[in-house]
Amino acid sequence: MTRRSKLWGWAAGIYAFINVAGLAYAAAEGEEMHAMLHLFLLLFGLAGFIGWWIARRGVPRQEPSTTQIEAARVEYLQQSVDAMALELERLGEAQRFNDKLRVQKGEVPPLKKDQ
């Protein structure tokens, strides 16, 4: 249980205690409106708790594990590297084609293989 949830638990307990004590005090003093107000607040808090409890019981959230996140990152990185390699190959092919056309037109003398 986290620190925050413990604080909310304590706050809910104090809220309920104050309203139960206020209801008992108001009923003992014969103040019907005051007692009804505390009863309403107590039921309102109970309805909120029940709604929260039902919402938490609904669809369980499963956080992805760190291994799943890392696998997704590695997959994304692999796809990026593959895309860059493909583009680099296309650039090299275009450069070779342009050099071949220049040589055929006589613009640039062919390069030696050992240079």
PDB file of N, CA and C in Angstrom:
ATOM      1  N   MET A   1       0.849  -1.173   0.000  1.00  0.00           N
ATOM      2  CA  MET A   1       0.000   0.000   0.000  1.00  0.00           C
ATOM      3  C   MET A   1       0.897   1.238   0.000  1.00  0.00           C
ATOM      4  N   THR A   2       0.570   2.167  -0.859  1.00  0.00           N
ATOM      5  CA  THR A   2       1.398   3.360  -0.982  1.00  0.00           C
ATOM      6  C   THR A   2       1.073   4.358   0.121  1.00  0.00           C
ATOM      7  N   ARG A   3       1.941   5.307   0.271  1.00  0.00           N
ATOM      8  CA  ARG A   3       1.757   6.330   1.285  1.00  0.00           C
ATOM      9  C   ARG A   3       0.498   7.152   1.022  1.00  0.00           C
ATOM     10  N   ARG A   4       0.279   7.443  -0.259  1.00  0.00           N
ATOM     11  CA  ARG A   4      -0.890   8.235  -0.635  1.00  0.00           C
ATOM     12  C   ARG A   4      -2.182   7.500  -0.298  1.00  0.00           C
ATOM     13  N   SER A   5      -2.254   6.194  -0.604  1.00  0.00           N
ATOM     14  CA  SER A   5      -3.470   5.441  -0.312  1.00  0.00           C
ATOM     15  C   SER A   5      -3.686   5.304   1.190  1.00  0.00           C
ATOM     16  N   LYS A   6      -2.599   5.247   1.962  1.00  0.00           N
ATOM     17  CA  LYS A   6      -2.752   5.202   3.421  1.00  0.00           C
ATOM     18  C   LYS A   6      -3.349   6.511   3.935  1.00  0.00           C
ATOM     19  N   LEU A   7      -2.886   7.628   3.377  1.00  0.00           N
ATOM     20  CA  LEU A   7      -3.430   8.923   3.793  1.00  0.00           C
ATOM     21  C   LEU A   7      -4.906   9.032   3.454  1.00  0.00           C
ATOM     22  N   TRP A   8      -5.291   8.578   2.257  1.00  0.00           N
ATOM     23  CA  TRP A   8      -6.701   8.616   1.873  1.00  0.00           C
ATOM     24  C   TRP A   8      -7.525   7.692   2.768  1.00  0.00           C
ATOM     25  N   GLY A   9      -6.978   6.559   3.161  1.00  0.00           N
ATOM     26  CA  GLY A   9      -7.679   5.650   4.075  1.00  0.00           C
ATOM     27  C   GLY A   9      -7.918   6.300   5.420  1.00  0.00           C
ATOM     28  N   TRP A  10      -6.886   6.962   5.942  1.00  0.00           N
ATOM     29  CA  TRP A  10      -7.044   7.679   7.209  1.00  0.00           C
ATOM     30  C   TRP A  10      -8.069   8.809   7.079  1.00  0.00           C
ATOM     31  N   ALA A  11      -8.015   9.543   5.995  1.00  0.00           N
ATOM     32  CA  ALA A  11      -8.965  10.644   5.783  1.00  0.00           C
ATOM     33  C   ALA A  11     -10.392  10.116   5.725  1.00  0.00           C
ATOM     34  N   ALA A  12     -10.606   8.998   5.052  1.00  0.00           N
ATOM     35  CA  ALA A  12     -11.947   8.412   4.970  1.00  0.00           C
ATOM     36  C   ALA A  12     -12.418   7.937   6.337  1.00  0.00           C
ATOM     37  N   GLY A  13     -11.513   7.374   7.107  1.00  0.00           N
ATOM     38  CA  GLY A  13     -11.871   6.932   8.461  1.00  0.00           C
ATOM     39  C   GLY A  13     -12.246   8.096   9.359  1.00  0.00           C
ATOM     40  N   ILE A  14     -11.489   9.175   9.299  1.00  0.00           N
ATOM     41  CA  ILE A  14     -11.789  10.366  10.102  1.00  0.00           C
ATOM     42  C   ILE A  14     -13.114  10.978   9.668  1.00  0.00           C
ATOM     43  N   TYR A  15     -13.357  11.034   8.358  1.00  0.00           N
ATOM     44  CA  TYR A  15     -14.617  11.562   7.823  1.00  0.00           C
ATOM     45  C   TYR A  15     -15.800  10.755   8.354  1.00  0.00           C
ATOM     46  N   ALA A  16     -15.684   9.425   8.301  1.00  0.00           N
ATOM     47  CA  ALA A  16     -16.766   8.566   8.788  1.00  0.00           C
ATOM     48  C   ALA A  16     -16.962   8.739  10.289  1.00  0.00           C
ATOM     49  N   PHE A  17     -15.862   8.790  11.051  1.00  0.00           N
ATOM     50  CA  PHE A  17     -15.968   8.941  12.509  1.00  0.00           C
ATOM     51  C   PHE A  17     -16.657  10.255  12.880  1.00  0.00           C
ATOM     52  N   ILE A  18     -16.263  11.341  12.218  1.00  0.00           N
ATOM     53  CA  ILE A  18     -16.861  12.647  12.522  1.00  0.00           C
ATOM     54  C   ILE A  18     -18.363  12.620  12.240  1.00  0.00           C
ATOM     55  N   ASN A  19     -18.758  12.014  11.123  1.00  0.00           N
ATOM     56  CA  ASN A  19     -20.179  11.992  10.788  1.00  0.00           C
ATOM     57  C   ASN A  19     -20.978  11.054  11.688  1.00  0.00           C
ATOM     58  N   VAL A  20     -20.408   9.929  12.094  1.00  0.00           N
ATOM     59  CA  VAL A  20     -21.107   9.036  13.025  1.00  0.00           C
ATOM     60  C   VAL A  20     -21.246   9.720  14.377  1.00  0.00           C
ATOM     61  N   ALA A  21     -20.160  10.352  14.848  1.00  0.00           N
ATOM     62  CA  ALA A  21     -20.216  11.057  16.140  1.00  0.00           C
ATOM     63  C   ALA A  21     -21.189  12.239  16.063  1.00  0.00           C
ATOM     64  N   GLY A  22     -21.178  12.968  14.948  1.00  0.00           N
ATOM     65  CA  GLY A  22     -22.100  14.092  14.779  1.00  0.00           C
ATOM     66  C   GLY A  22     -23.539  13.628  14.712  1.00  0.00           C
ATOM     67  N   LEU A  23     -23.777  12.495  14.079  1.00  0.00           N
ATOM     68  CA  LEU A  23     -25.126  11.930  14.012  1.00  0.00           C
ATOM     69  C   LEU A  23     -25.606  11.540  15.408  1.00  0.00           C
ATOM     70  N   ALA A  24     -24.732  10.882  16.172  1.00  0.00           N
ATOM     71  CA  ALA A  24     -25.108  10.472  17.533  1.00  0.00           C
ATOM     72  C   ALA A  24     -25.362  11.693  18.410  1.00  0.00           C
ATOM     73  N   TYR A  25     -24.504  12.690  18.320  1.00  0.00           N
ATOM     74  CA  TYR A  25     -24.667  13.907  19.141  1.00  0.00           C
ATOM     75  C   TYR A  25     -25.956  14.645  18.777  1.00  0.00           C
ATOM     76  N   ALA A  26     -26.193  14.812  17.462  1.00  0.00           N
ATOM     77  CA  ALA A  26     -27.383  15.531  17.019  1.00  0.00           C
ATOM     78  C   ALA A  26     -28.650  14.775  17.397  1.00  0.00           C
ATOM     79  N   ALA A  27     -28.629  13.444  17.322  1.00  0.00           N
ATOM     80  CA  ALA A  27     -29.795  12.651  17.714  1.00  0.00           C
ATOM     81  C   ALA A  27     -30.024  12.757  19.215  1.00  0.00           C
ATOM     82  N   ALA A  28     -28.952  12.768  20.010  1.00  0.00           N
ATOM     83  CA  ALA A  28     -29.088  12.881  21.470  1.00  0.00           C
ATOM     84  C   ALA A  28     -29.638  14.241  21.867  1.00  0.00           C
ATOM     85  N   GLU A  29     -29.301  15.273  21.136  1.00  0.00           N
ATOM     86  CA  GLU A  29     -29.767  16.629  21.433  1.00  0.00           C
ATOM     87  C   GLU A  29     -31.156  16.894  20.864  1.00  0.00           C
ATOM     88  N   GLY A  30     -31.668  15.966  20.025  1.00  0.00           N
ATOM     89  CA  GLY A  30     -32.992  16.135  19.446  1.00  0.00           C
ATOM     90  C   GLY A  30     -33.011  17.066  18.246  1.00  0.00           C
ATOM     91  N   GLU A  31     -31.876  17.271  17.620  1.00  0.00           N
ATOM     92  CA  GLU A  31     -31.782  18.142  16.440  1.00  0.00           C
ATOM     93  C   GLU A  31     -31.911  17.281  15.183  1.00  0.00           C
ATOM     94  N   GLU A  32     -33.142  17.186  14.682  1.00  0.00           N
ATOM     95  CA  GLU A  32     -33.406  16.291  13.561  1.00  0.00           C
ATOM     96  C   GLU A  32     -32.689  16.721  12.284  1.00  0.00           C
ATOM     97  N   MET A  33     -32.735  17.996  11.945  1.00  0.00           N
ATOM     98  CA  MET A  33     -32.090  18.470  10.715  1.00  0.00           C
ATOM     99  C   MET A  33     -30.578  18.251  10.757  1.00  0.00           C
ATOM    100  N   HIS A  34     -29.987  18.521  11.925  1.00  0.00           N
ATOM    101  CA  HIS A  34     -28.560  18.329  12.108  1.00  0.00           C
ATOM    102  C   HIS A  34     -28.213  16.843  11.960  1.00  0.00           C
ATOM    103  N   ALA A  35     -29.026  15.986  12.535  1.00  0.00           N
ATOM    104  CA  ALA A  35     -28.801  14.543  12.449  1.00  0.00           C
ATOM    105  C   ALA A  35     -28.953  14.061  11.012  1.00  0.00           C
ATOM    106  N   MET A  36     -29.949  14.591  10.303  1.00  0.00           N
ATOM    107  CA  MET A  36     -30.167  14.191   8.913  1.00  0.00           C
ATOM    108  C   MET A  36     -28.993  14.639   8.022  1.00  0.00           C
ATOM    109  N   LEU A  37     -28.429  15.788   8.337  1.00  0.00           N
ATOM    110  CA  LEU A  37     -27.267  16.259   7.578  1.00  0.00           C
ATOM    111  C   LEU A  37     -26.099  15.294   7.746  1.00  0.00           C
ATOM    112  N   HIS A  38     -25.832  14.879   8.971  1.00  0.00           N
ATOM    113  CA  HIS A  38     -24.733  13.933   9.203  1.00  0.00           C
ATOM    114  C   HIS A  38     -25.038  12.573   8.584  1.00  0.00           C
ATOM    115  N   LEU A  39     -26.297  12.154   8.609  1.00  0.00           N
ATOM    116  CA  LEU A  39     -26.671  10.896   7.981  1.00  0.00           C
ATOM    117  C   LEU A  39     -26.465  10.985   6.467  1.00  0.00           C
ATOM    118  N   PHE A  40     -26.880  12.116   5.876  1.00  0.00           N
ATOM    119  CA  PHE A  40     -26.680  12.325   4.442  1.00  0.00           C
ATOM    120  C   PHE A  40     -25.191  12.295   4.091  1.00  0.00           C
ATOM    121  N   LEU A  41     -24.369  13.012   4.876  1.00  0.00           N
ATOM    122  CA  LEU A  41     -22.933  13.032   4.601  1.00  0.00           C
ATOM    123  C   LEU A  41     -22.312  11.645   4.752  1.00  0.00           C
ATOM    124  N   LEU A  42     -22.773  10.889   5.722  1.00  0.00           N
ATOM    125  CA  LEU A  42     -22.273   9.528   5.924  1.00  0.00           C
ATOM    126  C   LEU A  42     -22.649   8.647   4.733  1.00  0.00           C
ATOM    127  N   LEU A  43     -23.893   8.733   4.275  1.00  0.00           N
ATOM    128  CA  LEU A  43     -24.321   7.943   3.121  1.00  0.00           C
ATOM    129  C   LEU A  43     -23.624   8.396   1.846  1.00  0.00           C
ATOM    130  N   PHE A  44     -23.386   9.698   1.712  1.00  0.00           N
ATOM    131  CA  PHE A  44     -22.667  10.229   0.561  1.00  0.00           C
ATOM    132  C   PHE A  44     -21.245   9.665   0.516  1.00  0.00           C
ATOM    133  N   GLY A  45     -20.570   9.658   1.651  1.00  0.00           N
ATOM    134  CA  GLY A  45     -19.220   9.089   1.719  1.00  0.00           C
ATOM    135  C   GLY A  45     -19.217   7.598   1.432  1.00  0.00           C
ATOM    136  N   LEU A  46     -20.224   6.890   1.923  1.00  0.00           N
ATOM    137  CA  LEU A  46     -20.338   5.458   1.679  1.00  0.00           C
ATOM    138  C   LEU A  46     -20.575   5.184   0.198  1.00  0.00           C
ATOM    139  N   ALA A  47     -21.427   5.990  -0.444  1.00  0.00           N
ATOM    140  CA  ALA A  47     -21.677   5.823  -1.878  1.00  0.00           C
ATOM    141  C   ALA A  47     -20.399   6.078  -2.681  1.00  0.00           C
ATOM    142  N   GLY A  48     -19.633   7.074  -2.286  1.00  0.00           N
ATOM    143  CA  GLY A  48     -18.363   7.340  -2.963  1.00  0.00           C
ATOM    144  C   GLY A  48     -17.397   6.180  -2.818  1.00  0.00           C
ATOM    145  N   PHE A  49     -17.348   5.605  -1.615  1.00  0.00           N
ATOM    146  CA  PHE A  49     -16.465   4.460  -1.383  1.00  0.00           C
ATOM    147  C   PHE A  49     -16.892   3.263  -2.217  1.00  0.00           C
ATOM    148  N   ILE A  50     -18.200   3.009  -2.267  1.00  0.00           N
ATOM    149  CA  ILE A  50     -18.698   1.874  -3.052  1.00  0.00           C
ATOM    150  C   ILE A  50     -18.406   2.088  -4.536  1.00  0.00           C
ATOM    151  N   GLY A  51     -18.595   3.308  -5.028  1.00  0.00           N
ATOM    152  CA  GLY A  51     -18.272   3.605  -6.427  1.00  0.00           C
ATOM    153  C   GLY A  51     -16.792   3.404  -6.719  1.00  0.00           C
ATOM    154  N   TRP A  52     -15.943   3.848  -5.810  1.00  0.00           N
ATOM    155  CA  TRP A  52     -14.495   3.667  -5.977  1.00  0.00           C
ATOM    156  C   TRP A  52     -14.147   2.186  -5.982  1.00  0.00           C
ATOM    157  N   TRP A  53     -14.769   1.420  -5.085  1.00  0.00           N
ATOM    158  CA  TRP A  53     -14.477   0.000  -4.963  1.00  0.00           C
ATOM    159  C   TRP A  53     -14.900  -0.745  -6.227  1.00  0.00           C
ATOM    160  N   ILE A  54     -16.071  -0.406  -6.762  1.00  0.00           N
ATOM    161  CA  ILE A  54     -16.550  -1.052  -7.987  1.00  0.00           C
ATOM    162  C   ILE A  54     -15.643  -0.687  -9.163  1.00  0.00           C
ATOM    163  N   ALA A  55     -15.237   0.565  -9.240  1.00  0.00           N
ATOM    164  CA  ALA A  55     -14.364   0.995 -10.338  1.00  0.00           C
ATOM    165  C   ALA A  55     -13.025   0.269 -10.285  1.00  0.00           C
ATOM    166  N   ARG A  56     -12.481   0.066  -9.108  1.00  0.00           N
ATOM    167  CA  ARG A  56     -11.194  -0.635  -8.986  1.00  0.00           C
ATOM    168  C   ARG A  56     -11.331  -2.117  -9.306  1.00  0.00           C
ATOM    169  N   ARG A  57     -12.507  -2.681  -9.046  1.00  0.00           N
ATOM    170  CA  ARG A  57     -12.717  -4.098  -9.331  1.00  0.00           C
ATOM    171  C   ARG A  57     -12.948  -4.350 -10.802  1.00  0.00           C
ATOM    172  N   GLY A  58     -13.224  -3.320 -11.577  1.00  0.00           N
ATOM    173  CA  GLY A  58     -13.536  -3.451 -13.001  1.00  0.00           C
ATOM    174  C   GLY A  58     -12.415  -4.115 -13.767  1.00  0.00           C
ATOM    175  N   VAL A  59     -12.029  -3.522 -14.824  1.00  0.00           N
ATOM    176  CA  VAL A  59     -10.986  -4.072 -15.682  1.00  0.00           C
ATOM    177  C   VAL A  59      -9.632  -3.898 -15.002  1.00  0.00           C
ATOM    178  N   PRO A  60      -8.935  -4.985 -14.752  1.00  0.00           N
ATOM    179  CA  PRO A  60      -7.613  -4.849 -14.125  1.00  0.00           C
ATOM    180  C   PRO A  60      -6.615  -4.266 -15.118  1.00  0.00           C
ATOM    181  N   ARG A  61      -5.856  -3.336 -14.638  1.00  0.00           N
ATOM    182  CA  ARG A  61      -4.824  -2.726 -15.477  1.00  0.00           C
ATOM    183  C   ARG A  61      -3.547  -3.531 -15.360  1.00  0.00           C
ATOM    184  N   GLN A  62      -3.008  -3.866 -16.505  1.00  0.00           N
ATOM    185  CA  GLN A  62      -1.736  -4.575 -16.500  1.00  0.00           C
ATOM    186  C   GLN A  62      -0.699  -3.662 -17.128  1.00  0.00           C
ATOM    187  N   GLU A  63       0.213  -3.238 -16.325  1.00  0.00           N
ATOM    188  CA  GLU A  63       1.301  -2.397 -16.812  1.00  0.00           C
ATOM    189  C   GLU A  63       2.278  -3.272 -17.592  1.00  0.00           C
ATOM    190  N   PRO A  64       2.768  -2.786 -18.705  1.00  0.00           N
ATOM    191  CA  PRO A  64       3.747  -3.591 -19.443  1.00  0.00           C
ATOM    192  C   PRO A  64       5.031  -3.739 -18.623  1.00  0.00           C
ATOM    193  N   SER A  65       5.582  -4.923 -18.681  1.00  0.00           N
ATOM    194  CA  SER A  65       6.810  -5.159 -17.926  1.00  0.00           C
ATOM    195  C   SER A  65       7.983  -4.475 -18.625  1.00  0.00           C
ATOM    196  N   THR A  66       9.062  -4.331 -17.900  1.00  0.00           N
ATOM    197  CA  THR A  66      10.240  -3.669 -18.468  1.00  0.00           C
ATOM    198  C   THR A  66      10.823  -4.478 -19.622  1.00  0.00           C
ATOM    199  N   THR A  67      10.688  -5.795 -19.569  1.00  0.00           N
ATOM    200  CA  THR A  67      11.208  -6.606 -20.672  1.00  0.00           C
ATOM    201  C   THR A  67      10.386  -6.382 -21.936  1.00  0.00           C
ATOM    202  N   GLN A  68       9.059  -6.198 -21.786  1.00  0.00           N
ATOM    203  CA  GLN A  68       8.221  -5.912 -22.951  1.00  0.00           C
ATOM    204  C   GLN A  68       8.572  -4.554 -23.539  1.00  0.00           C
ATOM    205  N   ILE A  69       8.808  -3.583 -22.663  1.00  0.00           N
ATOM    206  CA  ILE A  69       9.163  -2.239 -23.129  1.00  0.00           C
ATOM    207  C   ILE A  69      10.506  -2.280 -23.851  1.00  0.00           C
ATOM    208  N   GLU A  70      11.474  -2.983 -23.273  1.00  0.00           N
ATOM    209  CA  GLU A  70      12.790  -3.086 -23.896  1.00  0.00           C
ATOM    210  C   GLU A  70      12.707  -3.821 -25.226  1.00  0.00           C
ATOM    211  N   ALA A  71      11.886  -4.862 -25.300  1.00  0.00           N
ATOM    212  CA  ALA A  71      11.733  -5.596 -26.561  1.00  0.00           C
ATOM    213  C   ALA A  71      11.131  -4.682 -27.629  1.00  0.00           C
ATOM    214  N   ALA A  72      10.173  -3.857 -27.240  1.00  0.00           N
ATOM    215  CA  ALA A  72       9.565  -2.921 -28.192  1.00  0.00           C
ATOM    216  C   ALA A  72      10.591  -1.892 -28.658  1.00  0.00           C
ATOM    217  N   ARG A  73      11.424  -1.426 -27.747  1.00  0.00           N
ATOM    218  CA  ARG A  73      12.461  -0.459 -28.118  1.00  0.00           C
ATOM    219  C   ARG A  73      13.476  -1.073 -29.072  1.00  0.00           C
ATOM    220  N   VAL A  74      13.882  -2.296 -28.784  1.00  0.00           N
ATOM    221  CA  VAL A  74      14.851  -2.975 -29.648  1.00  0.00           C
ATOM    222  C   VAL A  74      14.237  -3.210 -31.026  1.00  0.00           C
ATOM    223  N   GLU A  75      12.966  -3.599 -31.069  1.00  0.00           N
ATOM    224  CA  GLU A  75      12.291  -3.807 -32.351  1.00  0.00           C
ATOM    225  C   GLU A  75      12.223  -2.509 -33.144  1.00  0.00           C
ATOM    226  N   TYR A  76      11.891  -1.413 -32.476  1.00  0.00           N
ATOM    227  CA  TYR A  76      11.827  -0.108 -33.143  1.00  0.00           C
ATOM    228  C   TYR A  76      13.210   0.297 -33.662  1.00  0.00           C
ATOM    229  N   LEU A  77      14.232   0.083 -32.836  1.00  0.00           N
ATOM    230  CA  LEU A  77      15.603   0.402 -33.243  1.00  0.00           C
ATOM    231  C   LEU A  77      16.017  -0.439 -34.444  1.00  0.00           C
ATOM    232  N   GLN A  78      15.660  -1.720 -34.446  1.00  0.00           N
ATOM    233  CA  GLN A  78      15.996  -2.600 -35.565  1.00  0.00           C
ATOM    234  C   GLN A  78      15.320  -2.131 -36.842  1.00  0.00           C
ATOM    235  N   GLN A  79      14.056  -1.733 -36.746  1.00  0.00           N
ATOM    236  CA  GLN A  79      13.341  -1.232 -37.925  1.00  0.00           C
ATOM    237  C   GLN A  79      13.983   0.056 -38.437  1.00  0.00           C
ATOM    238  N   SER A  80      14.405   0.914 -37.523  1.00  0.00           N
ATOM    239  CA  SER A  80      15.047   2.163 -37.931  1.00  0.00           C
ATOM    240  C   SER A  80      16.370   1.903 -38.639  1.00  0.00           C
ATOM    241  N   VAL A  81      17.162   1.004 -38.111  1.00  0.00           N
ATOM    242  CA  VAL A  81      18.448   0.672 -38.734  1.00  0.00           C
ATOM    243  C   VAL A  81      18.223   0.046 -40.108  1.00  0.00           C
ATOM    244  N   ASP A  82      17.235  -0.836 -40.222  1.00  0.00           N
ATOM    245  CA  ASP A  82      16.932  -1.440 -41.522  1.00  0.00           C
ATOM    246  C   ASP A  82      16.506  -0.386 -42.535  1.00  0.00           C
ATOM    247  N   ALA A  83      15.688   0.563 -42.115  1.00  0.00           N
ATOM    248  CA  ALA A  83      15.238   1.628 -43.025  1.00  0.00           C
ATOM    249  C   ALA A  83      16.419   2.490 -43.466  1.00  0.00           C
ATOM    250  N   MET A  84      17.326   2.817 -42.540  1.00  0.00           N
ATOM    251  CA  MET A  84      18.501   3.621 -42.903  1.00  0.00           C
ATOM    252  C   MET A  84      19.418   2.853 -43.847  1.00  0.00           C
ATOM    253  N   ALA A  85      19.577   1.556 -43.622  1.00  0.00           N
ATOM    254  CA  ALA A  85      20.426   0.744 -44.499  1.00  0.00           C
ATOM    255  C   ALA A  85      19.844   0.688 -45.904  1.00  0.00           C
ATOM    256  N   LEU A  86      18.534   0.565 -46.005  1.00  0.00           N
ATOM    257  CA  LEU A  86      17.883   0.538 -47.311  1.00  0.00           C
ATOM    258  C   LEU A  86      18.068   1.865 -48.041  1.00  0.00           C
ATOM    259  N   GLU A  87      17.895   2.977 -47.346  1.00  0.00           N
ATOM    260  CA  GLU A  87      18.088   4.290 -47.959  1.00  0.00           C
ATOM    261  C   GLU A  87      19.538   4.499 -48.387  1.00  0.00           C
ATOM    262  N   LEU A  88      20.472   4.050 -47.553  1.00  0.00           N
ATOM    263  CA  LEU A  88      21.888   4.172 -47.898  1.00  0.00           C
ATOM    264  C   LEU A  88      22.215   3.343 -49.138  1.00  0.00           C
ATOM    265  N   GLU A  89      21.645   2.171 -49.241  1.00  0.00           N
ATOM    266  CA  GLU A  89      21.845   1.335 -50.422  1.00  0.00           C
ATOM    267  C   GLU A  89      21.273   2.016 -51.659  1.00  0.00           C
ATOM    268  N   ARG A  90      20.116   2.634 -51.544  1.00  0.00           N
ATOM    269  CA  ARG A  90      19.527   3.354 -52.674  1.00  0.00           C
ATOM    270  C   ARG A  90      20.400   4.530 -53.105  1.00  0.00           C
ATOM    271  N   LEU A  91      20.945   5.258 -52.143  1.00  0.00           N
ATOM    272  CA  LEU A  91      21.827   6.377 -52.472  1.00  0.00           C
ATOM    273  C   LEU A  91      23.081   5.892 -53.194  1.00  0.00           C
ATOM    274  N   GLY A  92      23.649   4.803 -52.704  1.00  0.00           N
ATOM    275  CA  GLY A  92      24.842   4.245 -53.342  1.00  0.00           C
ATOM    276  C   GLY A  92      24.558   3.777 -54.759  1.00  0.00           C
ATOM    277  N   GLU A  93      23.406   3.145 -54.956  1.00  0.00           N
ATOM    278  CA  GLU A  93      23.015   2.680 -56.287  1.00  0.00           C
ATOM    279  C   GLU A  93      22.819   3.853 -57.231  1.00  0.00           C
ATOM    280  N   ALA A  94      22.186   4.929 -56.747  1.00  0.00           N
ATOM    281  CA  ALA A  94      21.990   6.123 -57.576  1.00  0.00           C
ATOM    282  C   ALA A  94      23.329   6.757 -57.942  1.00  0.00           C
ATOM    283  N   GLN A  95      24.260   6.792 -57.000  1.00  0.00           N
ATOM    284  CA  GLN A  95      25.574   7.378 -57.272  1.00  0.00           C
ATOM    285  C   GLN A  95      26.326   6.540 -58.306  1.00  0.00           C
ATOM    286  N   ARG A  96      26.253   5.224 -58.187  1.00  0.00           N
ATOM    287  CA  ARG A  96      26.921   4.357 -59.162  1.00  0.00           C
ATOM    288  C   ARG A  96      26.309   4.542 -60.558  1.00  0.00           C
ATOM    289  N   PHE A  97      24.982   4.684 -60.617  1.00  0.00           N
ATOM    290  CA  PHE A  97      24.316   4.885 -61.895  1.00  0.00           C
ATOM    291  C   PHE A  97      24.733   6.212 -62.523  1.00  0.00           C
ATOM    292  N   ASN A  98      24.790   7.277 -61.709  1.00  0.00           N
ATOM    293  CA  ASN A  98      25.215   8.582 -62.227  1.00  0.00           C
ATOM    294  C   ASN A  98      26.660   8.542 -62.713  1.00  0.00           C
ATOM    295  N   ASP A  99      27.521   7.870 -61.973  1.00  0.00           N
ATOM    296  CA  ASP A  99      28.915   7.748 -62.403  1.00  0.00           C
ATOM    297  C   ASP A  99      29.009   6.985 -63.721  1.00  0.00           C
ATOM    298  N   LYS A 100      28.197   5.944 -63.870  1.00  0.00           N
ATOM    299  CA  LYS A 100      28.197   5.160 -65.102  1.00  0.00           C
ATOM    300  C   LYS A 100      27.756   6.029 -66.286  1.00  0.00           C
ATOM    301  N   LEU A 101      26.712   6.865 -66.072  1.00  0.00           N
ATOM    302  CA  LEU A 101      26.261   7.751 -67.144  1.00  0.00           C
ATOM    303  C   LEU A 101      27.314   8.788 -67.499  1.00  0.00           C
ATOM    304  N   ARG A 102      28.009   9.324 -66.527  1.00  0.00           N
ATOM    305  CA  ARG A 102      29.059  10.310 -66.789  1.00  0.00           C
ATOM    306  C   ARG A 102      30.200   9.693 -67.586  1.00  0.00           C
ATOM    307  N   VAL A 103      30.557   8.489 -67.230  1.00  0.00           N
ATOM    308  CA  VAL A 103      31.634   7.807 -67.945  1.00  0.00           C
ATOM    309  C   VAL A 103      31.211   7.564 -69.393  1.00  0.00           C
ATOM    310  N   GLN A 104      29.959   7.159 -69.588  1.00  0.00           N
ATOM    311  CA  GLN A 104      29.472   6.906 -70.943  1.00  0.00           C
ATOM    312  C   GLN A 104      29.444   8.184 -71.774  1.00  0.00           C
ATOM    313  N   LYS A 105      29.127   9.323 -71.150  1.00  0.00           N
ATOM    314  CA  LYS A 105      29.091  10.599 -71.863  1.00  0.00           C
ATOM    315  C   LYS A 105      30.487  11.182 -72.032  1.00  0.00           C
ATOM    316  N   GLY A 106      31.450  10.670 -71.319  1.00  0.00           N
ATOM    317  CA  GLY A 106      32.814  11.157 -71.408  1.00  0.00           C
ATOM    318  C   GLY A 106      33.080  12.351 -70.527  1.00  0.00           C
ATOM    319  N   GLU A 107      32.227  12.637 -69.582  1.00  0.00           N
ATOM    320  CA  GLU A 107      32.426  13.798 -68.705  1.00  0.00           C
ATOM    321  C   GLU A 107      33.545  13.555 -67.698  1.00  0.00           C
ATOM    322  N   VAL A 108      33.585  12.400 -67.139  1.00  0.00           N
ATOM    323  CA  VAL A 108      34.541  12.099 -66.077  1.00  0.00           C
ATOM    324  C   VAL A 108      35.319  10.852 -66.488  1.00  0.00           C
ATOM    325  N   PRO A 109      36.634  10.897 -66.372  1.00  0.00           N
ATOM    326  CA  PRO A 109      37.378   9.669 -66.692  1.00  0.00           C
ATOM    327  C   PRO A 109      37.095   8.598 -65.635  1.00  0.00           C
ATOM    328  N   PRO A 110      37.070   7.333 -66.033  1.00  0.00           N
ATOM    329  CA  PRO A 110      36.807   6.262 -65.059  1.00  0.00           C
ATOM    330  C   PRO A 110      37.918   6.191 -64.011  1.00  0.00           C
ATOM    331  N   LEU A 111      37.527   5.901 -62.808  1.00  0.00           N
ATOM    332  CA  LEU A 111      38.486   5.783 -61.709  1.00  0.00           C
ATOM    333  C   LEU A 111      39.110   4.409 -61.720  1.00  0.00           C
ATOM    334  N   LYS A 112      40.336   4.359 -61.241  1.00  0.00           N
ATOM    335  CA  LYS A 112      41.008   3.061 -61.128  1.00  0.00           C
ATOM    336  C   LYS A 112      40.482   2.360 -59.890  1.00  0.00           C
ATOM    337  N   LYS A 113      40.480   1.049 -59.901  1.00  0.00           N
ATOM    338  CA  LYS A 113      39.952   0.271 -58.779  1.00  0.00           C
ATOM    339  C   LYS A 113      40.807   0.379 -57.540  1.00  0.00           C
ATOM    340  N   ASP A 114      42.125   0.582 -57.660  1.00  0.00           N
ATOM    341  CA  ASP A 114      43.004   0.595 -56.497  1.00  0.00           C
ATOM    342  C   ASP A 114      43.165   1.979 -55.896  1.00  0.00           C
ATOM    343  N   GLN A 115      42.467   2.971 -56.337  1.00  0.00           N
ATOM    344  CA  GLN A 115      42.590   4.305 -55.735  1.00  0.00           C
ATOM    345  C   GLN A 115      41.666   4.460 -54.591  1.00  0.00           C
TER     346      GLN A 115
END
